[in-house]
Amino acid sequence: MIFVDTGFLYALVDERDQNHQRVIEVLSEYRNQDLEAFGLTTNHVVDETITLIRKRSHRDRGVAHDVAVEVGQKLYDGVFGRVHHVTPSEERKAFEYFTRHKDKVYSMTDCVSFVIMDAYKITEALTVDADFTHRFIARPGPPRR
């Protein structure tokens, strides 16, 4: 099983994103596999992805809305894997994780993702977010500087 994160999904959609080509290359490695069968994300990532696409993907607000709806539909249809709906208990664990890491700039969504990855024993994420690299394999990972 592999976790699918917001930054990966956004870069997949927005051709102007600096990570777009890297994400396409990683996704091509899964061409003969069924990402629907082994991908996992959360409802928090779905929310964050739809919102980010709506706000940043296109100058034309109508086009951005249409793209956000299209990607949201694919996420809810399971194209990128199953959507785990986070429980109040898991959210609380994520908040506790967040409070313990004052030295980091983790988002709450990232902390939820970490908790869910631990619960499912997932060690790898499709992400461009450096925050995942502290404990997980991040593919393609953050851009090199």
Foldseek 3Di string as FASTA:
>chain_A
DAEEAQQLLLLCQAVPDPCVVQSVVVVVVCVVPQLLAPYEYEPLRLVVNLVCQQVPRDPPNVVSNVSSVVVSVCVPVSSNYYYHYDDPVLLVQLVVVVVVCPVDPDDSRVSSVVSVCVVVVNAEYAHQDQVSVVGHHYVVYHDDD
